[in-house]
Amino acid sequence: MAASTVTSRNCNSYWTPKQNKLFEKALAVYDKDTPDRWQKVAEAVGDKSPEEVRRHYEILVADLMYIESGRIPIPNYKGSGSNSR
């Protein structure tokens, strides 16, 4: 990622790459059946409220749905794919 921060769409919340990594790890630990899931994820990320992490998750899910439905093409990164060396 080129920028040092990520802006969630329609939100004034900035996410650093480190916070995104902590967010991903916390989601792996605290699944949808975890009581107080967003509070625990927010604590794992630090400097984010439960509402901010819940919204960040909703944006992630929406983005994945768009990609999987074919509405947003999967980027063709240099060096990816079977033909790269």
N, C-alpha and C. Protein backbone atom coordinates (compact mmCIF):
# COMPACT_ATOMS: atom_id res chain seq x y z
N MET A 1 0.84 -1.17 0.00
CA MET A 1 0.00 0.00 0.00
C MET A 1 0.88 1.23 0.00
N ALA A 2 0.62 2.17 -0.87
CA ALA A 2 1.49 3.33 -1.02
C ALA A 2 1.33 4.34 0.10
N ALA A 3 0.12 4.56 0.55
CA ALA A 3 -0.12 5.54 1.60
C ALA A 3 0.13 4.93 2.97
N SER A 4 0.46 5.80 3.93
CA SER A 4 0.72 5.30 5.28
C SER A 4 -0.57 5.14 6.08
N THR A 5 -1.67 5.69 5.58
CA THR A 5 -2.94 5.54 6.25
C THR A 5 -4.01 5.15 5.25
N VAL A 6 -5.07 4.56 5.76
CA VAL A 6 -6.20 4.17 4.93
C VAL A 6 -7.43 4.87 5.48
N THR A 7 -8.21 5.49 4.61
CA THR A 7 -9.43 6.14 5.04
C THR A 7 -10.60 5.24 4.72
N SER A 8 -11.38 4.90 5.73
CA SER A 8 -12.59 4.13 5.51
C SER A 8 -13.60 5.01 4.79
N ARG A 9 -14.27 4.45 3.80
CA ARG A 9 -15.24 5.21 3.04
C ARG A 9 -16.33 5.76 3.95
N ASN A 10 -16.75 6.99 3.68
CA ASN A 10 -17.82 7.64 4.42
C ASN A 10 -17.55 7.71 5.92
N CYS A 11 -16.31 7.82 6.30
CA CYS A 11 -15.97 7.83 7.72
C CYS A 11 -14.68 8.62 7.89
N ASN A 12 -14.53 9.28 9.02
CA ASN A 12 -13.33 10.06 9.28
C ASN A 12 -12.32 9.25 10.07
N SER A 13 -12.30 7.97 9.92
CA SER A 13 -11.41 7.10 10.67
C SER A 13 -10.22 6.72 9.80
N TYR A 14 -9.01 6.99 10.28
CA TYR A 14 -7.79 6.64 9.55
C TYR A 14 -7.19 5.38 10.16
N TRP A 15 -6.74 4.48 9.31
CA TRP A 15 -6.18 3.19 9.73
C TRP A 15 -4.77 3.06 9.17
N THR A 16 -3.81 2.87 10.02
CA THR A 16 -2.44 2.64 9.58
C THR A 16 -2.31 1.19 9.15
N PRO A 17 -1.28 0.85 8.38
CA PRO A 17 -1.06 -0.56 8.04
C PRO A 17 -0.93 -1.43 9.29
N LYS A 18 -0.28 -0.92 10.32
CA LYS A 18 -0.14 -1.69 11.57
C LYS A 18 -1.52 -1.95 12.20
N GLN A 19 -2.37 -0.93 12.23
CA GLN A 19 -3.71 -1.12 12.79
C GLN A 19 -4.51 -2.12 11.96
N ASN A 20 -4.36 -2.06 10.64
CA ASN A 20 -5.07 -3.02 9.79
C ASN A 20 -4.61 -4.45 10.08
N LYS A 21 -3.32 -4.65 10.29
CA LYS A 21 -2.80 -5.98 10.60
C LYS A 21 -3.34 -6.45 11.95
N LEU A 22 -3.34 -5.57 12.94
CA LEU A 22 -3.89 -5.93 14.25
C LEU A 22 -5.38 -6.25 14.15
N PHE A 23 -6.09 -5.50 13.32
CA PHE A 23 -7.52 -5.73 13.06
C PHE A 23 -7.74 -7.12 12.47
N GLU A 24 -6.95 -7.47 11.45
CA GLU A 24 -7.07 -8.79 10.81
C GLU A 24 -6.80 -9.91 11.81
N LYS A 25 -5.77 -9.75 12.61
CA LYS A 25 -5.44 -10.77 13.61
C LYS A 25 -6.55 -10.90 14.64
N ALA A 26 -7.10 -9.78 15.07
CA ALA A 26 -8.18 -9.81 16.06
C ALA A 26 -9.43 -10.48 15.49
N LEU A 27 -9.72 -10.25 14.21
CA LEU A 27 -10.87 -10.92 13.59
C LEU A 27 -10.69 -12.43 13.57
N ALA A 28 -9.46 -12.88 13.43
CA ALA A 28 -9.18 -14.32 13.44
C ALA A 28 -9.39 -14.92 14.83
N VAL A 29 -9.20 -14.11 15.85
CA VAL A 29 -9.34 -14.57 17.23
C VAL A 29 -10.79 -14.48 17.70
N TYR A 30 -11.43 -13.34 17.41
CA TYR A 30 -12.79 -13.08 17.89
C TYR A 30 -13.79 -13.23 16.75
N ASP A 31 -14.43 -14.39 16.66
CA ASP A 31 -15.38 -14.64 15.58
C ASP A 31 -16.74 -14.02 15.90
N LYS A 32 -17.70 -14.23 14.99
CA LYS A 32 -19.01 -13.59 15.11
C LYS A 32 -19.78 -14.00 16.36
N ASP A 33 -19.42 -15.12 16.96
CA ASP A 33 -20.12 -15.59 18.15
C ASP A 33 -19.48 -15.13 19.46
N THR A 34 -18.41 -14.37 19.37
CA THR A 34 -17.71 -13.88 20.56
C THR A 34 -18.53 -12.77 21.22
N PRO A 35 -18.86 -12.92 22.51
CA PRO A 35 -19.55 -11.83 23.21
C PRO A 35 -18.66 -10.58 23.23
N ASP A 36 -19.27 -9.42 23.04
CA ASP A 36 -18.54 -8.15 23.03
C ASP A 36 -17.41 -8.15 22.01
N ARG A 37 -17.69 -8.76 20.85
CA ARG A 37 -16.67 -8.90 19.81
C ARG A 37 -16.00 -7.58 19.46
N TRP A 38 -16.78 -6.54 19.17
CA TRP A 38 -16.20 -5.29 18.68
C TRP A 38 -15.41 -4.58 19.77
N GLN A 39 -15.82 -4.73 21.00
CA GLN A 39 -15.04 -4.17 22.11
C GLN A 39 -13.68 -4.85 22.18
N LYS A 40 -13.65 -6.16 22.03
CA LYS A 40 -12.39 -6.91 22.10
C LYS A 40 -11.50 -6.60 20.90
N VAL A 41 -12.09 -6.49 19.73
CA VAL A 41 -11.31 -6.14 18.54
C VAL A 41 -10.73 -4.74 18.70
N ALA A 42 -11.54 -3.81 19.20
CA ALA A 42 -11.07 -2.44 19.41
C ALA A 42 -9.91 -2.41 20.40
N GLU A 43 -9.99 -3.19 21.45
CA GLU A 43 -8.91 -3.26 22.43
C GLU A 43 -7.64 -3.83 21.80
N ALA A 44 -7.81 -4.81 20.92
CA ALA A 44 -6.65 -5.42 20.27
C ALA A 44 -5.98 -4.45 19.30
N VAL A 45 -6.78 -3.63 18.61
CA VAL A 45 -6.25 -2.67 17.65
C VAL A 45 -5.64 -1.47 18.38
N GLY A 46 -6.32 -0.99 19.40
CA GLY A 46 -5.87 0.21 20.11
C GLY A 46 -6.26 1.46 19.36
N ASP A 47 -6.57 2.51 20.07
CA ASP A 47 -6.92 3.82 19.48
C ASP A 47 -8.12 3.79 18.55
N LYS A 48 -8.96 2.77 18.64
CA LYS A 48 -10.19 2.68 17.85
C LYS A 48 -11.33 2.30 18.77
N SER A 49 -12.50 2.85 18.48
CA SER A 49 -13.68 2.53 19.27
C SER A 49 -14.33 1.26 18.72
N PRO A 50 -15.18 0.61 19.52
CA PRO A 50 -15.91 -0.55 18.99
C PRO A 50 -16.72 -0.20 17.74
N GLU A 51 -17.28 1.00 17.69
CA GLU A 51 -18.04 1.42 16.52
C GLU A 51 -17.15 1.56 15.30
N GLU A 52 -15.95 2.10 15.48
CA GLU A 52 -15.01 2.25 14.36
C GLU A 52 -14.59 0.89 13.80
N VAL A 53 -14.31 -0.08 14.66
CA VAL A 53 -13.88 -1.39 14.15
C VAL A 53 -15.05 -2.13 13.51
N ARG A 54 -16.26 -1.96 14.05
CA ARG A 54 -17.43 -2.60 13.44
C ARG A 54 -17.67 -2.02 12.05
N ARG A 55 -17.55 -0.71 11.91
CA ARG A 55 -17.75 -0.06 10.61
C ARG A 55 -16.64 -0.47 9.62
N HIS A 56 -15.43 -0.55 10.10
CA HIS A 56 -14.31 -0.99 9.26
C HIS A 56 -14.58 -2.41 8.73
N TYR A 57 -15.12 -3.26 9.57
CA TYR A 57 -15.46 -4.62 9.18
C TYR A 57 -16.57 -4.61 8.12
N GLU A 58 -17.60 -3.80 8.33
CA GLU A 58 -18.70 -3.74 7.37
C GLU A 58 -18.21 -3.28 6.00
N ILE A 59 -17.29 -2.32 5.98
CA ILE A 59 -16.72 -1.86 4.71
C ILE A 59 -15.92 -2.97 4.05
N LEU A 60 -15.15 -3.70 4.84
CA LEU A 60 -14.37 -4.82 4.31
C LEU A 60 -15.29 -5.87 3.68
N VAL A 61 -16.36 -6.23 4.38
CA VAL A 61 -17.30 -7.23 3.86
C VAL A 61 -17.95 -6.73 2.57
N ALA A 62 -18.35 -5.47 2.54
CA ALA A 62 -18.96 -4.91 1.32
C ALA A 62 -17.98 -4.94 0.16
N ASP A 63 -16.73 -4.57 0.41
CA ASP A 63 -15.71 -4.61 -0.64
C ASP A 63 -15.52 -6.03 -1.17
N LEU A 64 -15.47 -7.00 -0.27
CA LEU A 64 -15.32 -8.39 -0.69
C LEU A 64 -16.50 -8.85 -1.53
N MET A 65 -17.70 -8.43 -1.15
CA MET A 65 -18.90 -8.81 -1.93
C MET A 65 -18.83 -8.24 -3.34
N TYR A 66 -18.38 -6.98 -3.47
CA TYR A 66 -18.23 -6.38 -4.79
C TYR A 66 -17.19 -7.12 -5.63
N ILE A 67 -16.08 -7.47 -5.03
CA ILE A 67 -15.03 -8.18 -5.75
C ILE A 67 -15.52 -9.56 -6.18
N GLU A 68 -16.12 -10.29 -5.25
CA GLU A 68 -16.58 -11.65 -5.56
C GLU A 68 -17.71 -11.67 -6.58
N SER A 69 -18.51 -10.61 -6.65
CA SER A 69 -19.61 -10.55 -7.61
C SER A 69 -19.13 -10.12 -9.00
N GLY A 70 -17.85 -9.75 -9.10
CA GLY A 70 -17.30 -9.32 -10.38
C GLY A 70 -17.51 -7.86 -10.68
N ARG A 71 -18.08 -7.09 -9.76
CA ARG A 71 -18.32 -5.67 -9.99
C ARG A 71 -17.03 -4.87 -9.93
N ILE A 72 -16.06 -5.35 -9.17
CA ILE A 72 -14.75 -4.71 -9.08
C ILE A 72 -13.73 -5.75 -9.49
N PRO A 73 -12.95 -5.48 -10.54
CA PRO A 73 -11.97 -6.49 -10.97
C PRO A 73 -10.86 -6.66 -9.93
N ILE A 74 -10.37 -7.87 -9.84
CA ILE A 74 -9.23 -8.16 -8.97
C ILE A 74 -8.00 -7.55 -9.63
N PRO A 75 -7.24 -6.76 -8.88
CA PRO A 75 -6.06 -6.12 -9.48
C PRO A 75 -5.06 -7.15 -10.00
N ASN A 76 -4.42 -6.82 -11.10
CA ASN A 76 -3.38 -7.67 -11.67
C ASN A 76 -2.05 -7.08 -11.27
N TYR A 77 -1.55 -7.49 -10.10
CA TYR A 77 -0.30 -6.96 -9.58
C TYR A 77 0.88 -7.49 -10.38
N LYS A 78 1.89 -6.67 -10.55
CA LYS A 78 3.12 -7.12 -11.21
C LYS A 78 3.70 -8.28 -10.43
N GLY A 79 4.13 -9.28 -11.14
CA GLY A 79 4.76 -10.41 -10.49
C GLY A 79 3.79 -11.45 -9.95
N SER A 80 2.50 -11.25 -10.14
CA SER A 80 1.55 -12.25 -9.67
C SER A 80 1.09 -13.09 -10.85
N GLY A 81 0.61 -14.26 -10.56
CA GLY A 81 0.15 -15.14 -11.60
C GLY A 81 1.17 -16.18 -11.97
N SER A 82 0.74 -17.14 -12.78
CA SER A 82 1.60 -18.27 -13.11
C SER A 82 2.67 -17.93 -14.14
N ASN A 83 2.50 -16.84 -14.87
CA ASN A 83 3.48 -16.50 -15.90
C ASN A 83 4.62 -15.61 -15.40
N SER A 84 4.56 -15.19 -14.16
CA SER A 84 5.61 -14.29 -13.66
C SER A 84 6.85 -15.09 -13.27
N ARG A 85 7.98 -14.41 -13.35
CA ARG A 85 9.25 -15.05 -13.01
C ARG A 85 9.97 -14.26 -11.97
